[in-house]
């Protein structure tokens, strides 16, 4: 004859089942976090977006990198084309059939574009008033701002963050930055060109100040921007925060030289490494572009 289990036994069974559930972690999710965790931390340092939020969104939006959009187009955040997008695109069924989505050369570009998408969108501006480790506030704020139509979007992000302890990556992104953050009274707006982040120098800017703000060494900043160590920043200078590329983005094939142009200013405008700009055009370092000259960008 069946006997109803005691209250104590029922409680023990419940605790055991919850423990088993808590111990279970998807191997695919774990592998994704291990693979892209450092990129999320780097984005946090550059753009002040919690690494936990970036990773949770990547996991959720891309199915841990297994979705067709992620595999075929390296789009890990479900970002649609929008009127300002000039890069490659792909058609994908979402809220409607054959919607336009952004396509990237690699996953790093997707992560960088996700950061730029949030930092440059006016509707997300209020999120940057939150503490950079307040993942719950960020998750709820993203839903409030309309990042996703799923009514449970915020709760799903929070659950992923807590189940996979992604908040630990926020500490990685914040550690060692506290004193530096205090001196950044008026942080630079981060822009994007050719899939890369850059800032525009202001009067009085120095490489040392940018190093403190973005945790990127002066030596790297000088190298990334094809400059020499004695160079003094001038207001209006474009300063890339990562290595420029070998060619310009799609849509920028040829450039006609204008008054005041130099090979360096053109390389900065289009995010192309200076040596490759010379190489593409069969020019040597002593070449001075003349008004009306045609230069290949890719």
C-alpha atoms as a PDB file:
ATOM      1  CA  UNK A   1       0.000   0.000   0.000  1.00  0.00           C
ATOM      2  CA  UNK A   2       1.378   3.492  -0.997  1.00  0.00           C
ATOM      3  CA  UNK A   3       2.297   5.638   2.004  1.00  0.00           C
ATOM      4  CA  UNK A   4       2.560   9.416   1.741  1.00  0.00           C
ATOM      5  CA  UNK A   5       6.163  10.498   2.452  1.00  0.00           C
ATOM      6  CA  UNK A   6       6.783  12.442   5.638  1.00  0.00           C
ATOM      7  CA  UNK A   7       7.191  16.224   5.596  1.00  0.00           C
ATOM      8  CA  UNK A   8      10.871  15.853   6.522  1.00  0.00           C
ATOM      9  CA  UNK A   9      11.501  13.390   3.728  1.00  0.00           C
ATOM     10  CA  UNK A  10       9.699  15.630   1.233  1.00  0.00           C
ATOM     11  CA  UNK A  11      11.811  18.586   2.309  1.00  0.00           C
ATOM     12  CA  UNK A  12      15.002  16.561   1.938  1.00  0.00           C
ATOM     13  CA  UNK A  13      13.963  15.409  -1.540  1.00  0.00           C
ATOM     14  CA  UNK A  14      13.225  19.005  -2.552  1.00  0.00           C
ATOM     15  CA  UNK A  15      16.606  20.232  -1.281  1.00  0.00           C
ATOM     16  CA  UNK A  16      18.368  17.390  -3.092  1.00  0.00           C
ATOM     17  CA  UNK A  17      16.583  18.117  -6.367  1.00  0.00           C
ATOM     18  CA  UNK A  18      17.382  21.825  -6.110  1.00  0.00           C
ATOM     19  CA  UNK A  19      21.029  20.989  -5.408  1.00  0.00           C
ATOM     20  CA  UNK A  20      21.191  18.753  -8.455  1.00  0.00           C
ATOM     21  CA  UNK A  21      19.590  21.488 -10.583  1.00  0.00           C
ATOM     22  CA  UNK A  22      22.027  24.095  -9.271  1.00  0.00           C
ATOM     23  CA  UNK A  23      24.979  21.851 -10.047  1.00  0.00           C
ATOM     24  CA  UNK A  24      23.888  21.333 -13.654  1.00  0.00           C
ATOM     25  CA  UNK A  25      25.501  23.604 -16.201  1.00  0.00           C
ATOM     26  CA  UNK A  26      25.257  23.340 -19.946  1.00  0.00           C
ATOM     27  CA  UNK A  27      28.642  22.375 -21.371  1.00  0.00           C
ATOM     28  CA  UNK A  28      27.906  24.514 -24.423  1.00  0.00           C
ATOM     29  CA  UNK A  29      27.200  27.566 -22.247  1.00  0.00           C
ATOM     30  CA  UNK A  30      30.338  26.987 -20.170  1.00  0.00           C
ATOM     31  CA  UNK A  31      32.476  26.657 -23.311  1.00  0.00           C
ATOM     32  CA  UNK A  32      31.018  29.876 -24.707  1.00  0.00           C
ATOM     33  CA  UNK A  33      31.792  31.817 -21.525  1.00  0.00           C
ATOM     34  CA  UNK A  34      35.343  30.475 -21.415  1.00  0.00           C
ATOM     35  CA  UNK A  35      35.882  31.392 -25.062  1.00  0.00           C
ATOM     36  CA  UNK A  36      34.495  34.932 -25.021  1.00  0.00           C
ATOM     37  CA  UNK A  37      34.811  35.962 -21.364  1.00  0.00           C
ATOM     38  CA  UNK A  38      38.010  37.938 -21.912  1.00  0.00           C
ATOM     39  CA  UNK A  39      36.452  39.852 -24.815  1.00  0.00           C
ATOM     40  CA  UNK A  40      33.493  40.803 -22.606  1.00  0.00           C
ATOM     41  CA  UNK A  41      35.866  42.013 -19.876  1.00  0.00           C
ATOM     42  CA  UNK A  42      37.819  44.096 -22.389  1.00  0.00           C
ATOM     43  CA  UNK A  43      34.577  45.636 -23.642  1.00  0.00           C
ATOM     44  CA  UNK A  44      33.644  46.451 -20.044  1.00  0.00           C
ATOM     45  CA  UNK A  45      36.924  48.309 -19.560  1.00  0.00           C
ATOM     46  CA  UNK A  46      36.452  50.247 -22.789  1.00  0.00           C
ATOM     47  CA  UNK A  47      32.742  51.013 -22.673  1.00  0.00           C
ATOM     48  CA  UNK A  48      31.602  50.555 -19.037  1.00  0.00           C
ATOM     49  CA  UNK A  49      29.053  47.840 -19.868  1.00  0.00           C
ATOM     50  CA  UNK A  50      28.966  44.961 -17.340  1.00  0.00           C
ATOM     51  CA  UNK A  51      30.802  41.934 -18.741  1.00  0.00           C
ATOM     52  CA  UNK A  52      28.108  39.739 -17.195  1.00  0.00           C
ATOM     53  CA  UNK A  53      25.414  41.501 -19.232  1.00  0.00           C
ATOM     54  CA  UNK A  54      27.418  41.231 -22.451  1.00  0.00           C
ATOM     55  CA  UNK A  55      28.040  37.509 -21.922  1.00  0.00           C
ATOM     56  CA  UNK A  56      24.440  36.793 -20.899  1.00  0.00           C
ATOM     57  CA  UNK A  57      23.099  38.625 -23.940  1.00  0.00           C
ATOM     58  CA  UNK A  58      25.548  36.780 -26.176  1.00  0.00           C
ATOM     59  CA  UNK A  59      24.498  33.444 -24.709  1.00  0.00           C
ATOM     60  CA  UNK A  60      20.802  34.208 -24.998  1.00  0.00           C
ATOM     61  CA  UNK A  61      20.739  35.950 -28.369  1.00  0.00           C
ATOM     62  CA  UNK A  62      23.070  33.490 -30.121  1.00  0.00           C
ATOM     63  CA  UNK A  63      22.071  30.271 -28.379  1.00  0.00           C
ATOM     64  CA  UNK A  64      25.625  30.087 -27.009  1.00  0.00           C
ATOM     65  CA  UNK A  65      26.988  30.671 -30.493  1.00  0.00           C
ATOM     66  CA  UNK A  66      24.929  27.879 -32.049  1.00  0.00           C
ATOM     67  CA  UNK A  67      22.281  29.939 -33.860  1.00  0.00           C
ATOM     68  CA  UNK A  68      22.341  30.253 -37.639  1.00  0.00           C
ATOM     69  CA  UNK A  69      22.832  34.011 -37.353  1.00  0.00           C
ATOM     70  CA  UNK A  70      25.876  33.517 -35.126  1.00  0.00           C
ATOM     71  CA  UNK A  71      27.418  30.712 -37.166  1.00  0.00           C
ATOM     72  CA  UNK A  72      26.889  32.252 -40.597  1.00  0.00           C
ATOM     73  CA  UNK A  73      27.277  35.962 -39.818  1.00  0.00           C
ATOM     74  CA  UNK A  74      29.098  36.163 -36.453  1.00  0.00           C
ATOM     75  CA  UNK A  75      26.151  38.201 -35.126  1.00  0.00           C
ATOM     76  CA  UNK A  76      25.930  37.206 -31.458  1.00  0.00           C
ATOM     77  CA  UNK A  77      23.546  39.928 -30.260  1.00  0.00           C
ATOM     78  CA  UNK A  78      20.737  39.874 -32.804  1.00  0.00           C
ATOM     79  CA  UNK A  79      21.446  43.441 -33.912  1.00  0.00           C
ATOM     80  CA  UNK A  80      19.417  44.433 -36.968  1.00  0.00           C
ATOM     81  CA  UNK A  81      20.797  46.580 -39.783  1.00  0.00           C
ATOM     82  CA  UNK A  82      19.323  49.991 -39.010  1.00  0.00           C
ATOM     83  CA  UNK A  83      19.658  53.017 -41.278  1.00  0.00           C
ATOM     84  CA  UNK A  84      23.232  53.814 -40.191  1.00  0.00           C
ATOM     85  CA  UNK A  85      24.734  50.376 -40.932  1.00  0.00           C
ATOM     86  CA  UNK A  86      27.055  50.311 -43.970  1.00  0.00           C
ATOM     87  CA  UNK A  87      28.630  46.885 -43.470  1.00  0.00           C
ATOM     88  CA  UNK A  88      27.606  43.462 -44.719  1.00  0.00           C
ATOM     89  CA  UNK A  89      24.074  42.243 -44.094  1.00  0.00           C
ATOM     90  CA  UNK A  90      22.148  38.989 -44.016  1.00  0.00           C
ATOM     91  CA  UNK A  91      18.448  38.123 -44.190  1.00  0.00           C
ATOM     92  CA  UNK A  92      17.017  36.201 -41.262  1.00  0.00           C
ATOM     93  CA  UNK A  93      13.538  35.337 -39.979  1.00  0.00           C
ATOM     94  CA  UNK A  94      12.790  37.017 -36.643  1.00  0.00           C
ATOM     95  CA  UNK A  95       9.713  39.061 -35.684  1.00  0.00           C
ATOM     96  CA  UNK A  96       9.016  39.133 -39.419  1.00  0.00           C
ATOM     97  CA  UNK A  97      10.317  37.146 -42.385  1.00  0.00           C
ATOM     98  CA  UNK A  98      13.591  38.058 -44.075  1.00  0.00           C
ATOM     99  CA  UNK A  99      14.574  40.864 -41.715  1.00  0.00           C
ATOM    100  CA  UNK A 100      17.912  42.584 -42.249  1.00  0.00           C
ATOM    101  CA  UNK A 101      20.641  41.787 -39.728  1.00  0.00           C
ATOM    102  CA  UNK A 102      24.242  42.947 -39.461  1.00  0.00           C
ATOM    103  CA  UNK A 103      26.999  40.537 -40.486  1.00  0.00           C
ATOM    104  CA  UNK A 104      30.534  40.622 -39.096  1.00  0.00           C
ATOM    105  CA  UNK A 105      33.921  39.319 -40.152  1.00  0.00           C
ATOM    106  CA  UNK A 106      34.527  37.810 -36.724  1.00  0.00           C
ATOM    107  CA  UNK A 107      32.962  37.526 -33.276  1.00  0.00           C
ATOM    108  CA  UNK A 108      35.170  40.271 -31.812  1.00  0.00           C
ATOM    109  CA  UNK A 109      33.643  42.744 -34.263  1.00  0.00           C
ATOM    110  CA  UNK A 110      30.193  41.647 -33.107  1.00  0.00           C
ATOM    111  CA  UNK A 111      31.100  42.284 -29.470  1.00  0.00           C
ATOM    112  CA  UNK A 112      32.580  45.690 -30.315  1.00  0.00           C
ATOM    113  CA  UNK A 113      29.529  46.692 -32.358  1.00  0.00           C
ATOM    114  CA  UNK A 114      27.236  45.603 -29.518  1.00  0.00           C
ATOM    115  CA  UNK A 115      29.095  47.998 -27.203  1.00  0.00           C
ATOM    116  CA  UNK A 116      28.930  50.857 -29.719  1.00  0.00           C
ATOM    117  CA  UNK A 117      25.241  50.120 -30.300  1.00  0.00           C
ATOM    118  CA  UNK A 118      24.516  50.600 -26.591  1.00  0.00           C
ATOM    119  CA  UNK A 119      26.833  53.557 -25.954  1.00  0.00           C
ATOM    120  CA  UNK A 120      25.620  55.515 -28.987  1.00  0.00           C
ATOM    121  CA  UNK A 121      21.897  54.830 -28.530  1.00  0.00           C
ATOM    122  CA  UNK A 122      20.100  57.666 -26.703  1.00  0.00           C
ATOM    123  CA  UNK A 123      17.497  55.307 -25.272  1.00  0.00           C
ATOM    124  CA  UNK A 124      20.216  53.338 -23.425  1.00  0.00           C
ATOM    125  CA  UNK A 125      21.988  56.404 -21.996  1.00  0.00           C
ATOM    126  CA  UNK A 126      20.345  56.089 -18.552  1.00  0.00           C
ATOM    127  CA  UNK A 127      21.953  52.671 -18.071  1.00  0.00           C
ATOM    128  CA  UNK A 128      25.400  54.244 -17.768  1.00  0.00           C
ATOM    129  CA  UNK A 129      24.274  56.017 -14.599  1.00  0.00           C
ATOM    130  CA  UNK A 130      24.053  52.600 -12.922  1.00  0.00           C
ATOM    131  CA  UNK A 131      26.949  50.960 -11.124  1.00  0.00           C
ATOM    132  CA  UNK A 132      28.959  48.947 -13.627  1.00  0.00           C
ATOM    133  CA  UNK A 133      28.415  45.799 -11.515  1.00  0.00           C
ATOM    134  CA  UNK A 134      24.620  46.265 -11.169  1.00  0.00           C
ATOM    135  CA  UNK A 135      23.671  43.501 -13.575  1.00  0.00           C
ATOM    136  CA  UNK A 136      20.082  43.360 -12.311  1.00  0.00           C
ATOM    137  CA  UNK A 137      19.602  47.064 -13.013  1.00  0.00           C
ATOM    138  CA  UNK A 138      21.149  46.678 -16.445  1.00  0.00           C
ATOM    139  CA  UNK A 139      19.017  43.643 -17.310  1.00  0.00           C
ATOM    140  CA  UNK A 140      15.796  45.406 -16.317  1.00  0.00           C
ATOM    141  CA  UNK A 141      16.935  48.601 -18.018  1.00  0.00           C
ATOM    142  CA  UNK A 142      17.615  46.844 -21.316  1.00  0.00           C
ATOM    143  CA  UNK A 143      14.105  45.424 -21.279  1.00  0.00           C
ATOM    144  CA  UNK A 144      12.651  48.833 -20.370  1.00  0.00           C
ATOM    145  CA  UNK A 145      14.581  50.484 -23.230  1.00  0.00           C
ATOM    146  CA  UNK A 146      13.158  47.967 -25.703  1.00  0.00           C
ATOM    147  CA  UNK A 147      16.244  45.923 -26.545  1.00  0.00           C
ATOM    148  CA  UNK A 148      14.038  42.812 -26.819  1.00  0.00           C
ATOM    149  CA  UNK A 149      10.296  42.167 -27.104  1.00  0.00           C
ATOM    150  CA  UNK A 150      10.331  39.106 -24.835  1.00  0.00           C
ATOM    151  CA  UNK A 151       8.510  40.140 -21.602  1.00  0.00           C
ATOM    152  CA  UNK A 152      10.756  37.818 -19.562  1.00  0.00           C
ATOM    153  CA  UNK A 153      13.987  39.090 -21.148  1.00  0.00           C
ATOM    154  CA  UNK A 154      15.358  40.723 -17.985  1.00  0.00           C
ATOM    155  CA  UNK A 155      14.655  37.680 -15.811  1.00  0.00           C
ATOM    156  CA  UNK A 156      16.258  35.379 -18.351  1.00  0.00           C
ATOM    157  CA  UNK A 157      19.439  37.476 -18.374  1.00  0.00           C
ATOM    158  CA  UNK A 158      19.575  37.559 -14.585  1.00  0.00           C
ATOM    159  CA  UNK A 159      19.043  33.791 -14.342  1.00  0.00           C
ATOM    160  CA  UNK A 160      21.885  33.104 -16.793  1.00  0.00           C
ATOM    161  CA  UNK A 161      24.207  35.484 -14.943  1.00  0.00           C
ATOM    162  CA  UNK A 162      23.515  33.870 -11.587  1.00  0.00           C
ATOM    163  CA  UNK A 163      23.470  30.259 -12.791  1.00  0.00           C
ATOM    164  CA  UNK A 164      26.834  30.667 -14.536  1.00  0.00           C
ATOM    165  CA  UNK A 165      28.320  33.136 -12.029  1.00  0.00           C
ATOM    166  CA  UNK A 166      28.969  35.679 -14.766  1.00  0.00           C
ATOM    167  CA  UNK A 167      29.081  38.454 -12.161  1.00  0.00           C
ATOM    168  CA  UNK A 168      32.628  37.263 -11.434  1.00  0.00           C
ATOM    169  CA  UNK A 169      33.641  38.689 -14.811  1.00  0.00           C
ATOM    170  CA  UNK A 170      32.377  42.096 -13.672  1.00  0.00           C
ATOM    171  CA  UNK A 171      34.951  42.004 -10.896  1.00  0.00           C
ATOM    172  CA  UNK A 172      37.660  41.190 -13.430  1.00  0.00           C
ATOM    173  CA  UNK A 173      36.617  44.210 -15.453  1.00  0.00           C
ATOM    174  CA  UNK A 174      36.529  46.470 -12.420  1.00  0.00           C
ATOM    175  CA  UNK A 175      39.613  45.314 -10.484  1.00  0.00           C
ATOM    176  CA  UNK A 176      42.525  47.686 -10.707  1.00  0.00           C
ATOM    177  CA  UNK A 177      40.390  50.420 -12.215  1.00  0.00           C
ATOM    178  CA  UNK A 178      38.966  52.142  -9.160  1.00  0.00           C
ATOM    179  CA  UNK A 179      41.572  54.860  -8.799  1.00  0.00           C
ATOM    180  CA  UNK A 180      41.730  55.452 -12.531  1.00  0.00           C
ATOM    181  CA  UNK A 181      37.968  55.814 -12.800  1.00  0.00           C
ATOM    182  CA  UNK A 182      37.999  58.553 -10.162  1.00  0.00           C
ATOM    183  CA  UNK A 183      40.116  60.862 -12.301  1.00  0.00           C
ATOM    184  CA  UNK A 184      37.932  60.482 -15.410  1.00  0.00           C
ATOM    185  CA  UNK A 185      35.715  63.496 -14.795  1.00  0.00           C
ATOM    186  CA  UNK A 186      34.580  63.972 -18.385  1.00  0.00           C
ATOM    187  CA  UNK A 187      34.945  60.638 -20.228  1.00  0.00           C
ATOM    188  CA  UNK A 188      35.347  60.553 -23.989  1.00  0.00           C
ATOM    189  CA  UNK A 189      32.528  59.492 -26.279  1.00  0.00           C
ATOM    190  CA  UNK A 190      33.581  56.308 -28.068  1.00  0.00           C
ATOM    191  CA  UNK A 191      32.830  56.140 -31.796  1.00  0.00           C
ATOM    192  CA  UNK A 192      33.331  53.473 -34.408  1.00  0.00           C
ATOM    193  CA  UNK A 193      34.934  53.314 -37.859  1.00  0.00           C
ATOM    194  CA  UNK A 194      35.689  50.236 -39.917  1.00  0.00           C
ATOM    195  CA  UNK A 195      34.406  48.116 -37.031  1.00  0.00           C
ATOM    196  CA  UNK A 196      36.856  49.614 -34.505  1.00  0.00           C
ATOM    197  CA  UNK A 197      36.488  51.891 -31.513  1.00  0.00           C
ATOM    198  CA  UNK A 198      38.050  55.343 -31.493  1.00  0.00           C
ATOM    199  CA  UNK A 199      37.823  58.642 -29.635  1.00  0.00           C
ATOM    200  CA  UNK A 200      38.397  62.203 -30.792  1.00  0.00           C
ATOM    201  CA  UNK A 201      41.150  64.015 -28.918  1.00  0.00           C
ATOM    202  CA  UNK A 202      40.217  67.177 -27.039  1.00  0.00           C
ATOM    203  CA  UNK A 203      42.328  70.203 -26.162  1.00  0.00           C
ATOM    204  CA  UNK A 204      44.898  69.196 -23.548  1.00  0.00           C
ATOM    205  CA  UNK A 205      44.524  65.444 -24.072  1.00  0.00           C
ATOM    206  CA  UNK A 206      47.606  63.287 -23.597  1.00  0.00           C
ATOM    207  CA  UNK A 207      48.356  59.641 -24.232  1.00  0.00           C
ATOM    208  CA  UNK A 208      48.867  59.227 -20.493  1.00  0.00           C
ATOM    209  CA  UNK A 209      45.340  60.491 -19.797  1.00  0.00           C
ATOM    210  CA  UNK A 210      43.845  58.165 -22.406  1.00  0.00           C
ATOM    211  CA  UNK A 211      45.883  55.294 -20.954  1.00  0.00           C
ATOM    212  CA  UNK A 212      44.350  55.972 -17.536  1.00  0.00           C
ATOM    213  CA  UNK A 213      40.820  56.254 -18.922  1.00  0.00           C
ATOM    214  CA  UNK A 214      40.813  53.176 -21.150  1.00  0.00           C
ATOM    215  CA  UNK A 215      43.498  50.996 -19.542  1.00  0.00           C
ATOM    216  CA  UNK A 216      45.419  50.824 -22.815  1.00  0.00           C
ATOM    217  CA  UNK A 217      49.140  51.577 -22.632  1.00  0.00           C
ATOM    218  CA  UNK A 218      50.576  54.692 -24.235  1.00  0.00           C
ATOM    219  CA  UNK A 219      52.878  52.456 -26.282  1.00  0.00           C
ATOM    220  CA  UNK A 220      49.923  50.562 -27.756  1.00  0.00           C
ATOM    221  CA  UNK A 221      47.950  53.726 -28.485  1.00  0.00           C
ATOM    222  CA  UNK A 222      50.914  55.152 -30.382  1.00  0.00           C
ATOM    223  CA  UNK A 223      51.348  51.904 -32.322  1.00  0.00           C
ATOM    224  CA  UNK A 224      47.625  51.549 -33.092  1.00  0.00           C
ATOM    225  CA  UNK A 225      47.586  55.048 -34.588  1.00  0.00           C
ATOM    226  CA  UNK A 226      50.823  54.912 -36.621  1.00  0.00           C
ATOM    227  CA  UNK A 227      52.402  57.690 -34.550  1.00  0.00           C
ATOM    228  CA  UNK A 228      55.817  58.257 -32.948  1.00  0.00           C
ATOM    229  CA  UNK A 229      56.498  58.412 -29.208  1.00  0.00           C
ATOM    230  CA  UNK A 230      57.235  62.156 -29.192  1.00  0.00           C
ATOM    231  CA  UNK A 231      53.901  63.007 -30.856  1.00  0.00           C
ATOM    232  CA  UNK A 232      51.651  65.480 -29.000  1.00  0.00           C
ATOM    233  CA  UNK A 233      47.920  65.005 -29.413  1.00  0.00           C
ATOM    234  CA  UNK A 234      46.001  67.829 -31.090  1.00  0.00           C
ATOM    235  CA  UNK A 235      42.302  68.536 -30.604  1.00  0.00           C
ATOM    236  CA  UNK A 236      40.394  66.709 -33.332  1.00  0.00           C
ATOM    237  CA  UNK A 237      42.872  63.851 -33.708  1.00  0.00           C
ATOM    238  CA  UNK A 238      41.273  60.461 -34.229  1.00  0.00           C
ATOM    239  CA  UNK A 239      42.723  58.006 -31.717  1.00  0.00           C
ATOM    240  CA  UNK A 240      41.972  54.314 -32.219  1.00  0.00           C
ATOM    241  CA  UNK A 241      41.729  52.079 -29.165  1.00  0.00           C
ATOM    242  CA  UNK A 242      42.704  48.936 -31.073  1.00  0.00           C
ATOM    243  CA  UNK A 243      44.782  47.960 -34.082  1.00  0.00           C
ATOM    244  CA  UNK A 244      43.524  49.341 -37.390  1.00  0.00           C
ATOM    245  CA  UNK A 245      42.755  46.999 -40.283  1.00  0.00           C
ATOM    246  CA  UNK A 246      44.449  46.179 -43.569  1.00  0.00           C
ATOM    247  CA  UNK A 247      41.696  47.726 -45.692  1.00  0.00           C
ATOM    248  CA  UNK A 248      38.659  49.953 -45.372  1.00  0.00           C
ATOM    249  CA  UNK A 249      35.116  48.785 -44.727  1.00  0.00           C
ATOM    250  CA  UNK A 250      32.821  47.706 -47.567  1.00  0.00           C
ATOM    251  CA  UNK A 251      31.564  50.673 -49.539  1.00  0.00           C
ATOM    252  CA  UNK A 252      34.836  52.581 -49.327  1.00  0.00           C
ATOM    253  CA  UNK A 253      36.884  51.461 -52.309  1.00  0.00           C
ATOM    254  CA  UNK A 254      38.566  54.596 -53.662  1.00  0.00           C
ATOM    255  CA  UNK A 255      39.323  57.990 -52.133  1.00  0.00           C
ATOM    256  CA  UNK A 256      39.935  61.235 -54.004  1.00  0.00           C
ATOM    257  CA  UNK A 257      42.546  63.353 -52.225  1.00  0.00           C
ATOM    258  CA  UNK A 258      41.348  66.743 -50.975  1.00  0.00           C
ATOM    259  CA  UNK A 259      43.152  69.848 -49.741  1.00  0.00           C
ATOM    260  CA  UNK A 260      44.913  69.230 -46.432  1.00  0.00           C
ATOM    261  CA  UNK A 261      44.919  65.433 -46.752  1.00  0.00           C
ATOM    262  CA  UNK A 262      47.916  63.312 -45.874  1.00  0.00           C
ATOM    263  CA  UNK A 263      48.386  59.570 -46.066  1.00  0.00           C
ATOM    264  CA  UNK A 264      48.175  59.444 -42.281  1.00  0.00           C
ATOM    265  CA  UNK A 265      44.952  61.476 -42.055  1.00  0.00           C
ATOM    266  CA  UNK A 266      43.354  59.262 -44.711  1.00  0.00           C
ATOM    267  CA  UNK A 267      44.468  56.108 -42.888  1.00  0.00           C
ATOM    268  CA  UNK A 268      42.901  57.458 -39.675  1.00  0.00           C
ATOM    269  CA  UNK A 269      39.657  58.510 -41.336  1.00  0.00           C
ATOM    270  CA  UNK A 270      39.037  55.026 -42.748  1.00  0.00           C
ATOM    271  CA  UNK A 271      40.710  52.906 -40.064  1.00  0.00           C
ATOM    272  CA  UNK A 272      43.418  51.483 -42.334  1.00  0.00           C
ATOM    273  CA  UNK A 273      46.968  50.800 -41.178  1.00  0.00           C
ATOM    274  CA  UNK A 274      49.298  53.276 -42.828  1.00  0.00           C
ATOM    275  CA  UNK A 275      51.701  50.697 -44.233  1.00  0.00           C
ATOM    276  CA  UNK A 276      48.859  48.877 -45.980  1.00  0.00           C
ATOM    277  CA  UNK A 277      47.523  52.116 -47.456  1.00  0.00           C
ATOM    278  CA  UNK A 278      50.944  52.679 -49.014  1.00  0.00           C
ATOM    279  CA  UNK A 279      51.137  49.046 -50.129  1.00  0.00           C
ATOM    280  CA  UNK A 280      47.693  48.990 -51.787  1.00  0.00           C
ATOM    281  CA  UNK A 281      48.643  52.039 -53.833  1.00  0.00           C
ATOM    282  CA  UNK A 282      52.203  50.976 -54.686  1.00  0.00           C
ATOM    283  CA  UNK A 283      53.578  54.046 -52.922  1.00  0.00           C
ATOM    284  CA  UNK A 284      56.656  54.538 -50.769  1.00  0.00           C
ATOM    285  CA  UNK A 285      56.880  56.449 -47.493  1.00  0.00           C
ATOM    286  CA  UNK A 286      58.123  59.601 -49.267  1.00  0.00           C
ATOM    287  CA  UNK A 287      54.950  59.889 -51.374  1.00  0.00           C
ATOM    288  CA  UNK A 288      52.934  63.072 -50.770  1.00  0.00           C
ATOM    289  CA  UNK A 289      49.345  62.856 -52.027  1.00  0.00           C
ATOM    290  CA  UNK A 290      48.250  65.648 -54.360  1.00  0.00           C
ATOM    291  CA  UNK A 291      44.733  67.055 -54.632  1.00  0.00           C
ATOM    292  CA  UNK A 292      42.794  64.937 -57.105  1.00  0.00           C
ATOM    293  CA  UNK A 293      44.886  61.783 -56.692  1.00  0.00           C
ATOM    294  CA  UNK A 294      42.925  58.538 -56.497  1.00  0.00           C
ATOM    295  CA  UNK A 295      43.879  56.178 -53.672  1.00  0.00           C
ATOM    296  CA  UNK A 296      42.627  52.641 -53.143  1.00  0.00           C
ATOM    297  CA  UNK A 297      41.176  51.916 -49.733  1.00  0.00           C
ATOM    298  CA  UNK A 298      40.622  48.168 -50.165  1.00  0.00           C
END
